[in-house]
Structure formats: structure tokens, C-alpha cells
Amino acid sequence: MTGGKATPKKDEALKVSCGQNVKTGQILLRGINTYKPGINVRGMGTMYALCPGKVYFTRKKTPHGKTRTFINIEPSKEKATA
């Protein structure tokens, strides 16, 4: 390995797609800074789901004119009966 590293980098990629069902605690993405955590999602380097449901993406403009993409979870209906 170059740079004095003993092991290669971990697989840094988006792990889910839009419309996919996820479980609580499932990793959604790892090592990508282009997405921000949205509703029912936590994490900085590794984002994970806070509840079971469906994945969807939204885009919002910041006050400075940049567009941010947020990864969100729409909770499944079964959880609402708790």
C-alpha cells in the first residue's frame, strides 16, 4: 500500500437506493460527504436508519445557493400501532 498504510480503504459507497425498505440500524451509506442526514437518519461518516421504513431522497437549497441532497426514511405503517 502507498502512503504507509497497511490496509486498503473500506468500501465507501451508497448502500441503499430510493424506494428500498430498510431495518432499524441498517447502514445507508459510508464515507460519502455529498449526502446529509435527513428525517429518521443519523450519523456523519456512516449514516444509519433510526426506524424501519422506505428510503427517499430530497434536495434543498441553502441560503448560499448550494443544493444539498438529504437521505430520509419514511417510517413503515406497522410501527405506528405501538
PDB file of N, CA and C in Angstrom:
ATOM      1  N   MET A   1       0.839  -1.178   0.000  1.00  0.00           N
ATOM      2  CA  MET A   1       0.000   0.000   0.000  1.00  0.00           C
ATOM      3  C   MET A   1       0.886   1.243   0.000  1.00  0.00           C
ATOM      4  N   THR A   2       0.400   2.269  -0.637  1.00  0.00           N
ATOM      5  CA  THR A   2       1.146   3.517  -0.679  1.00  0.00           C
ATOM      6  C   THR A   2       0.798   4.373   0.518  1.00  0.00           C
ATOM      7  N   GLY A   3       1.636   5.301   0.837  1.00  0.00           N
ATOM      8  CA  GLY A   3       1.365   6.227   1.934  1.00  0.00           C
ATOM      9  C   GLY A   3       1.563   5.621   3.301  1.00  0.00           C
ATOM     10  N   GLY A   4       2.223   4.474   3.409  1.00  0.00           N
ATOM     11  CA  GLY A   4       2.488   3.869   4.703  1.00  0.00           C
ATOM     12  C   GLY A   4       1.288   3.184   5.333  1.00  0.00           C
ATOM     13  N   LYS A   5       0.246   2.963   4.578  1.00  0.00           N
ATOM     14  CA  LYS A   5      -0.945   2.313   5.128  1.00  0.00           C
ATOM     15  C   LYS A   5      -0.816   0.800   4.980  1.00  0.00           C
ATOM     16  N   ALA A   6      -1.273   0.086   6.000  1.00  0.00           N
ATOM     17  CA  ALA A   6      -1.160  -1.370   5.991  1.00  0.00           C
ATOM     18  C   ALA A   6      -2.369  -2.044   5.346  1.00  0.00           C
ATOM     19  N   THR A   7      -3.539  -1.376   5.384  1.00  0.00           N
ATOM     20  CA  THR A   7      -4.748  -1.981   4.833  1.00  0.00           C
ATOM     21  C   THR A   7      -5.405  -1.024   3.845  1.00  0.00           C
ATOM     22  N   PRO A   8      -6.097  -1.551   2.855  1.00  0.00           N
ATOM     23  CA  PRO A   8      -6.794  -0.676   1.909  1.00  0.00           C
ATOM     24  C   PRO A   8      -8.026  -0.041   2.550  1.00  0.00           C
ATOM     25  N   LYS A   9      -8.572   1.001   1.910  1.00  0.00           N
ATOM     26  CA  LYS A   9      -9.765   1.670   2.419  1.00  0.00           C
ATOM     27  C   LYS A   9     -10.967   0.726   2.386  1.00  0.00           C
ATOM     28  N   LYS A  10     -11.883   0.952   3.299  1.00  0.00           N
ATOM     29  CA  LYS A  10     -13.122   0.189   3.320  1.00  0.00           C
ATOM     30  C   LYS A  10     -13.995   0.620   2.142  1.00  0.00           C
ATOM     31  N   ASP A  11     -14.991  -0.165   1.849  1.00  0.00           N
ATOM     32  CA  ASP A  11     -15.889   0.137   0.745  1.00  0.00           C
ATOM     33  C   ASP A  11     -16.738   1.346   1.111  1.00  0.00           C
ATOM     34  N   GLU A  12     -16.394   2.493   0.550  1.00  0.00           N
ATOM     35  CA  GLU A  12     -17.121   3.724   0.833  1.00  0.00           C
ATOM     36  C   GLU A  12     -18.103   3.969  -0.304  1.00  0.00           C
ATOM     37  N   ALA A  13     -19.377   3.726  -0.042  1.00  0.00           N
ATOM     38  CA  ALA A  13     -20.371   3.857  -1.102  1.00  0.00           C
ATOM     39  C   ALA A  13     -21.764   3.968  -0.508  1.00  0.00           C
ATOM     40  N   LEU A  14     -22.708   4.306  -1.360  1.00  0.00           N
ATOM     41  CA  LEU A  14     -24.113   4.321  -1.003  1.00  0.00           C
ATOM     42  C   LEU A  14     -24.587   2.875  -0.951  1.00  0.00           C
ATOM     43  N   LYS A  15     -25.175   2.447   0.165  1.00  0.00           N
ATOM     44  CA  LYS A  15     -25.551   1.047   0.359  1.00  0.00           C
ATOM     45  C   LYS A  15     -27.004   0.751  -0.015  1.00  0.00           C
ATOM     46  N   VAL A  16     -27.834   1.791  -0.145  1.00  0.00           N
ATOM     47  CA  VAL A  16     -29.252   1.600  -0.455  1.00  0.00           C
ATOM     48  C   VAL A  16     -29.652   2.531  -1.598  1.00  0.00           C
ATOM     49  N   SER A  17     -30.809   2.246  -2.197  1.00  0.00           N
ATOM     50  CA  SER A  17     -31.325   3.105  -3.255  1.00  0.00           C
ATOM     51  C   SER A  17     -32.707   3.617  -2.861  1.00  0.00           C
ATOM     52  N   CYS A  18     -33.212   4.558  -3.623  1.00  0.00           N
ATOM     53  CA  CYS A  18     -34.507   5.174  -3.341  1.00  0.00           C
ATOM     54  C   CYS A  18     -35.620   4.133  -3.476  1.00  0.00           C
ATOM     55  N   GLY A  19     -36.529   4.106  -2.501  1.00  0.00           N
ATOM     56  CA  GLY A  19     -37.639   3.166  -2.516  1.00  0.00           C
ATOM     57  C   GLY A  19     -37.348   1.836  -1.854  1.00  0.00           C
ATOM     58  N   GLN A  20     -36.117   1.631  -1.420  1.00  0.00           N
ATOM     59  CA  GLN A  20     -35.736   0.360  -0.795  1.00  0.00           C
ATOM     60  C   GLN A  20     -36.180   0.342   0.667  1.00  0.00           C
ATOM     61  N   ASN A  21     -36.651  -0.812   1.157  1.00  0.00           N
ATOM     62  CA  ASN A  21     -37.029  -0.969   2.556  1.00  0.00           C
ATOM     63  C   ASN A  21     -35.783  -1.231   3.391  1.00  0.00           C
ATOM     64  N   VAL A  22     -35.717  -0.591   4.572  1.00  0.00           N
ATOM     65  CA  VAL A  22     -34.573  -0.767   5.465  1.00  0.00           C
ATOM     66  C   VAL A  22     -35.060  -1.107   6.863  1.00  0.00           C
ATOM     67  N   LYS A  23     -34.158  -1.679   7.666  1.00  0.00           N
ATOM     68  CA  LYS A  23     -34.439  -2.016   9.060  1.00  0.00           C
ATOM     69  C   LYS A  23     -33.799  -0.970   9.963  1.00  0.00           C
ATOM     70  N   THR A  24     -34.187  -0.964  11.229  1.00  0.00           N
ATOM     71  CA  THR A  24     -33.579  -0.073  12.206  1.00  0.00           C
ATOM     72  C   THR A  24     -32.103  -0.405  12.357  1.00  0.00           C
ATOM     73  N   GLY A  25     -31.259   0.606  12.307  1.00  0.00           N
ATOM     74  CA  GLY A  25     -29.825   0.421  12.475  1.00  0.00           C
ATOM     75  C   GLY A  25     -29.079   0.024  11.217  1.00  0.00           C
ATOM     76  N   GLN A  26     -29.778  -0.167  10.120  1.00  0.00           N
ATOM     77  CA  GLN A  26     -29.119  -0.567   8.873  1.00  0.00           C
ATOM     78  C   GLN A  26     -28.290   0.592   8.324  1.00  0.00           C
ATOM     79  N   ILE A  27     -27.087   0.285   7.854  1.00  0.00           N
ATOM     80  CA  ILE A  27     -26.198   1.303   7.297  1.00  0.00           C
ATOM     81  C   ILE A  27     -26.713   1.711   5.922  1.00  0.00           C
ATOM     82  N   LEU A  28     -26.854   3.029   5.726  1.00  0.00           N
ATOM     83  CA  LEU A  28     -27.370   3.557   4.470  1.00  0.00           C
ATOM     84  C   LEU A  28     -26.248   3.982   3.536  1.00  0.00           C
ATOM     85  N   LEU A  29     -25.214   4.588   4.092  1.00  0.00           N
ATOM     86  CA  LEU A  29     -24.052   4.958   3.303  1.00  0.00           C
ATOM     87  C   LEU A  29     -22.855   5.087   4.211  1.00  0.00           C
ATOM     88  N   ARG A  30     -21.680   5.006   3.603  1.00  0.00           N
ATOM     89  CA  ARG A  30     -20.451   5.042   4.376  1.00  0.00           C
ATOM     90  C   ARG A  30     -19.413   5.867   3.627  1.00  0.00           C
ATOM     91  N   GLY A  31     -18.880   6.888   4.293  1.00  0.00           N
ATOM     92  CA  GLY A  31     -17.745   7.636   3.769  1.00  0.00           C
ATOM     93  C   GLY A  31     -18.027   8.576   2.623  1.00  0.00           C
ATOM     94  N   ILE A  32     -19.283   8.975   2.417  1.00  0.00           N
ATOM     95  CA  ILE A  32     -19.608   9.907   1.339  1.00  0.00           C
ATOM     96  C   ILE A  32     -20.088  11.209   1.965  1.00  0.00           C
ATOM     97  N   ASN A  33     -19.502  12.318   1.571  1.00  0.00           N
ATOM     98  CA  ASN A  33     -19.877  13.608   2.143  1.00  0.00           C
ATOM     99  C   ASN A  33     -20.879  14.371   1.288  1.00  0.00           C
ATOM    100  N   THR A  34     -21.331  13.807   0.172  1.00  0.00           N
ATOM    101  CA  THR A  34     -22.257  14.522  -0.696  1.00  0.00           C
ATOM    102  C   THR A  34     -23.699  14.438  -0.204  1.00  0.00           C
ATOM    103  N   TYR A  35     -24.010  13.515   0.695  1.00  0.00           N
ATOM    104  CA  TYR A  35     -25.352  13.371   1.252  1.00  0.00           C
ATOM    105  C   TYR A  35     -25.351  13.829   2.702  1.00  0.00           C
ATOM    106  N   LYS A  36     -26.474  14.410   3.138  1.00  0.00           N
ATOM    107  CA  LYS A  36     -26.641  14.860   4.514  1.00  0.00           C
ATOM    108  C   LYS A  36     -27.744  14.036   5.167  1.00  0.00           C
ATOM    109  N   PRO A  37     -27.680  13.820   6.498  1.00  0.00           N
ATOM    110  CA  PRO A  37     -28.751  13.072   7.166  1.00  0.00           C
ATOM    111  C   PRO A  37     -30.039  13.886   7.216  1.00  0.00           C
ATOM    112  N   GLY A  38     -31.144  13.233   6.914  1.00  0.00           N
ATOM    113  CA  GLY A  38     -32.447  13.890   6.930  1.00  0.00           C
ATOM    114  C   GLY A  38     -33.323  13.311   8.027  1.00  0.00           C
ATOM    115  N   ILE A  39     -34.595  13.087   7.703  1.00  0.00           N
ATOM    116  CA  ILE A  39     -35.574  12.595   8.668  1.00  0.00           C
ATOM    117  C   ILE A  39     -35.307  11.120   8.958  1.00  0.00           C
ATOM    118  N   ASN A  40     -35.257  10.759  10.254  1.00  0.00           N
ATOM    119  CA  ASN A  40     -35.049   9.387  10.737  1.00  0.00           C
ATOM    120  C   ASN A  40     -33.712   8.789  10.314  1.00  0.00           C
ATOM    121  N   VAL A  41     -32.701   9.639  10.111  1.00  0.00           N
ATOM    122  CA  VAL A  41     -31.350   9.195   9.752  1.00  0.00           C
ATOM    123  C   VAL A  41     -30.366   9.917  10.655  1.00  0.00           C
ATOM    124  N   ARG A  42     -29.338   9.204  11.129  1.00  0.00           N
ATOM    125  CA  ARG A  42     -28.287   9.795  11.962  1.00  0.00           C
ATOM    126  C   ARG A  42     -26.933   9.377  11.434  1.00  0.00           C
ATOM    127  N   GLY A  43     -25.925  10.135  11.835  1.00  0.00           N
ATOM    128  CA  GLY A  43     -24.555   9.778  11.511  1.00  0.00           C
ATOM    129  C   GLY A  43     -23.852  10.855  10.713  1.00  0.00           C
ATOM    130  N   MET A  44     -22.535  10.772  10.699  1.00  0.00           N
ATOM    131  CA  MET A  44     -21.725  11.713   9.929  1.00  0.00           C
ATOM    132  C   MET A  44     -20.988  10.953   8.823  1.00  0.00           C
ATOM    133  N   GLY A  45     -20.010  10.158   9.176  1.00  0.00           N
ATOM    134  CA  GLY A  45     -19.282   9.379   8.179  1.00  0.00           C
ATOM    135  C   GLY A  45     -20.070   8.169   7.730  1.00  0.00           C
ATOM    136  N   THR A  46     -20.725   7.514   8.684  1.00  0.00           N
ATOM    137  CA  THR A  46     -21.579   6.361   8.400  1.00  0.00           C
ATOM    138  C   THR A  46     -22.993   6.718   8.829  1.00  0.00           C
ATOM    139  N   MET A  47     -23.924   6.782   7.896  1.00  0.00           N
ATOM    140  CA  MET A  47     -25.312   7.111   8.229  1.00  0.00           C
ATOM    141  C   MET A  47     -26.119   5.831   8.348  1.00  0.00           C
ATOM    142  N   TYR A  48     -27.029   5.814   9.322  1.00  0.00           N
ATOM    143  CA  TYR A  48     -27.831   4.624   9.590  1.00  0.00           C
ATOM    144  C   TYR A  48     -29.277   5.017   9.855  1.00  0.00           C
ATOM    145  N   ALA A  49     -30.184   4.055   9.692  1.00  0.00           N
ATOM    146  CA  ALA A  49     -31.617   4.278   9.854  1.00  0.00           C
ATOM    147  C   ALA A  49     -32.003   4.226  11.328  1.00  0.00           C
ATOM    148  N   LEU A  50     -32.869   5.149  11.751  1.00  0.00           N
ATOM    149  CA  LEU A  50     -33.364   5.167  13.131  1.00  0.00           C
ATOM    150  C   LEU A  50     -34.651   4.363  13.296  1.00  0.00           C
ATOM    151  N   CYS A  51     -35.334   4.055  12.207  1.00  0.00           N
ATOM    152  CA  CYS A  51     -36.572   3.283  12.267  1.00  0.00           C
ATOM    153  C   CYS A  51     -36.720   2.496  10.967  1.00  0.00           C
ATOM    154  N   PRO A  52     -37.528   1.436  10.976  1.00  0.00           N
ATOM    155  CA  PRO A  52     -37.756   0.701   9.729  1.00  0.00           C
ATOM    156  C   PRO A  52     -38.645   1.513   8.791  1.00  0.00           C
ATOM    157  N   GLY A  53     -38.409   1.388   7.513  1.00  0.00           N
ATOM    158  CA  GLY A  53     -39.220   2.123   6.543  1.00  0.00           C
ATOM    159  C   GLY A  53     -38.598   2.131   5.166  1.00  0.00           C
ATOM    160  N   LYS A  54     -39.022   3.110   4.343  1.00  0.00           N
ATOM    161  CA  LYS A  54     -38.568   3.240   2.961  1.00  0.00           C
ATOM    162  C   LYS A  54     -37.636   4.432   2.821  1.00  0.00           C
ATOM    163  N   VAL A  55     -36.614   4.268   1.997  1.00  0.00           N
ATOM    164  CA  VAL A  55     -35.629   5.321   1.753  1.00  0.00           C
ATOM    165  C   VAL A  55     -36.143   6.264   0.667  1.00  0.00           C
ATOM    166  N   TYR A  56     -35.967   7.583   0.886  1.00  0.00           N
ATOM    167  CA  TYR A  56     -36.216   8.556  -0.175  1.00  0.00           C
ATOM    168  C   TYR A  56     -35.235   9.710  -0.028  1.00  0.00           C
ATOM    169  N   PHE A  57     -34.974  10.380  -1.138  1.00  0.00           N
ATOM    170  CA  PHE A  57     -34.014  11.475  -1.173  1.00  0.00           C
ATOM    171  C   PHE A  57     -34.736  12.785  -1.447  1.00  0.00           C
ATOM    172  N   THR A  58     -34.252  13.866  -0.832  1.00  0.00           N
ATOM    173  CA  THR A  58     -34.780  15.201  -1.100  1.00  0.00           C
ATOM    174  C   THR A  58     -33.618  16.141  -1.369  1.00  0.00           C
ATOM    175  N   ARG A  59     -33.909  17.200  -2.105  1.00  0.00           N
ATOM    176  CA  ARG A  59     -32.901  18.234  -2.367  1.00  0.00           C
ATOM    177  C   ARG A  59     -33.426  19.561  -1.869  1.00  0.00           C
ATOM    178  N   LYS A  60     -32.555  20.312  -1.193  1.00  0.00           N
ATOM    179  CA  LYS A  60     -32.913  21.633  -0.682  1.00  0.00           C
ATOM    180  C   LYS A  60     -31.791  22.605  -0.999  1.00  0.00           C
ATOM    181  N   LYS A  61     -32.163  23.849  -1.250  1.00  0.00           N
ATOM    182  CA  LYS A  61     -31.165  24.884  -1.491  1.00  0.00           C
ATOM    183  C   LYS A  61     -30.801  25.554  -0.177  1.00  0.00           C
ATOM    184  N   THR A  62     -29.513  25.825   0.006  1.00  0.00           N
ATOM    185  CA  THR A  62     -29.050  26.544   1.184  1.00  0.00           C
ATOM    186  C   THR A  62     -29.171  28.042   0.916  1.00  0.00           C
ATOM    187  N   PRO A  63     -29.069  28.869   1.958  1.00  0.00           N
ATOM    188  CA  PRO A  63     -29.107  30.320   1.742  1.00  0.00           C
ATOM    189  C   PRO A  63     -27.970  30.833   0.851  1.00  0.00           C
ATOM    190  N   HIS A  64     -26.904  30.051   0.724  1.00  0.00           N
ATOM    191  CA  HIS A  64     -25.757  30.471  -0.083  1.00  0.00           C
ATOM    192  C   HIS A  64     -25.855  30.003  -1.528  1.00  0.00           C
ATOM    193  N   GLY A  65     -26.953  29.352  -1.899  1.00  0.00           N
ATOM    194  CA  GLY A  65     -27.167  28.943  -3.278  1.00  0.00           C
ATOM    195  C   GLY A  65     -26.744  27.528  -3.617  1.00  0.00           C
ATOM    196  N   LYS A  66     -26.154  26.805  -2.667  1.00  0.00           N
ATOM    197  CA  LYS A  66     -25.766  25.415  -2.927  1.00  0.00           C
ATOM    198  C   LYS A  66     -26.983  24.503  -2.779  1.00  0.00           C
ATOM    199  N   THR A  67     -26.970  23.396  -3.489  1.00  0.00           N
ATOM    200  CA  THR A  67     -28.024  22.391  -3.365  1.00  0.00           C
ATOM    201  C   THR A  67     -27.487  21.218  -2.560  1.00  0.00           C
ATOM    202  N   ARG A  68     -28.220  20.826  -1.521  1.00  0.00           N
ATOM    203  CA  ARG A  68     -27.842  19.687  -0.676  1.00  0.00           C
ATOM    204  C   ARG A  68     -28.823  18.545  -0.902  1.00  0.00           C
ATOM    205  N   THR A  69     -28.307  17.330  -0.899  1.00  0.00           N
ATOM    206  CA  THR A  69     -29.146  16.140  -1.023  1.00  0.00           C
ATOM    207  C   THR A  69     -29.229  15.466   0.341  1.00  0.00           C
ATOM    208  N   PHE A  70     -30.453  15.250   0.810  1.00  0.00           N
ATOM    209  CA  PHE A  70     -30.695  14.627   2.107  1.00  0.00           C
ATOM    210  C   PHE A  70     -31.236  13.224   1.894  1.00  0.00           C
ATOM    211  N   ILE A  71     -30.787  12.303   2.738  1.00  0.00           N
ATOM    212  CA  ILE A  71     -31.299  10.934   2.710  1.00  0.00           C
ATOM    213  C   ILE A  71     -32.263  10.794   3.888  1.00  0.00           C
ATOM    214  N   ASN A  72     -33.481  10.311   3.626  1.00  0.00           N
ATOM    215  CA  ASN A  72     -34.548  10.250   4.622  1.00  0.00           C
ATOM    216  C   ASN A  72     -35.155   8.852   4.662  1.00  0.00           C
ATOM    217  N   ILE A  73     -35.855   8.575   5.766  1.00  0.00           N
ATOM    218  CA  ILE A  73     -36.594   7.321   5.915  1.00  0.00           C
ATOM    219  C   ILE A  73     -38.054   7.660   6.195  1.00  0.00           C
ATOM    220  N   GLU A  74     -38.950   7.121   5.373  1.00  0.00           N
ATOM    221  CA  GLU A  74     -40.382   7.228   5.644  1.00  0.00           C
ATOM    222  C   GLU A  74     -40.760   6.013   6.477  1.00  0.00           C
ATOM    223  N   PRO A  75     -41.194   6.208   7.748  1.00  0.00           N
ATOM    224  CA  PRO A  75     -41.478   5.067   8.622  1.00  0.00           C
ATOM    225  C   PRO A  75     -42.555   4.156   8.040  1.00  0.00           C
ATOM    226  N   SER A  76     -42.400   2.856   8.299  1.00  0.00           N
ATOM    227  CA  SER A  76     -43.397   1.892   7.830  1.00  0.00           C
ATOM    228  C   SER A  76     -44.644   1.998   8.694  1.00  0.00           C
ATOM    229  N   LYS A  77     -45.772   1.582   8.152  1.00  0.00           N
ATOM    230  CA  LYS A  77     -47.061   1.731   8.833  1.00  0.00           C
ATOM    231  C   LYS A  77     -47.201   0.811  10.040  1.00  0.00           C
ATOM    232  N   GLU A  78     -46.514  -0.333  10.066  1.00  0.00           N
ATOM    233  CA  GLU A  78     -46.640  -1.281  11.175  1.00  0.00           C
ATOM    234  C   GLU A  78     -46.159  -0.686  12.494  1.00  0.00           C
ATOM    235  N   LYS A  79     -45.166   0.197  12.436  1.00  0.00           N
ATOM    236  CA  LYS A  79     -44.599   0.763  13.652  1.00  0.00           C
ATOM    237  C   LYS A  79     -45.592   1.697  14.353  1.00  0.00           C
ATOM    238  N   ALA A  80     -46.530   2.301  13.617  1.00  0.00           N
ATOM    239  CA  ALA A  80     -47.461   3.271  14.168  1.00  0.00           C
ATOM    240  C   ALA A  80     -48.455   2.638  15.147  1.00  0.00           C
ATOM    241  N   THR A  81     -48.616   1.325  15.168  1.00  0.00           N
ATOM    242  CA  THR A  81     -49.568   0.667  16.057  1.00  0.00           C
ATOM    243  C   THR A  81     -48.983   0.375  17.436  1.00  0.00           C
ATOM    244  N   ALA A  82     -47.830   0.889  17.756  1.00  0.00           N
ATOM    245  CA  ALA A  82     -47.176   0.613  19.042  1.00  0.00           C
ATOM    246  C   ALA A  82     -47.819   1.360  20.184  1.00  0.00           C
TER     247      ALA A  82
END
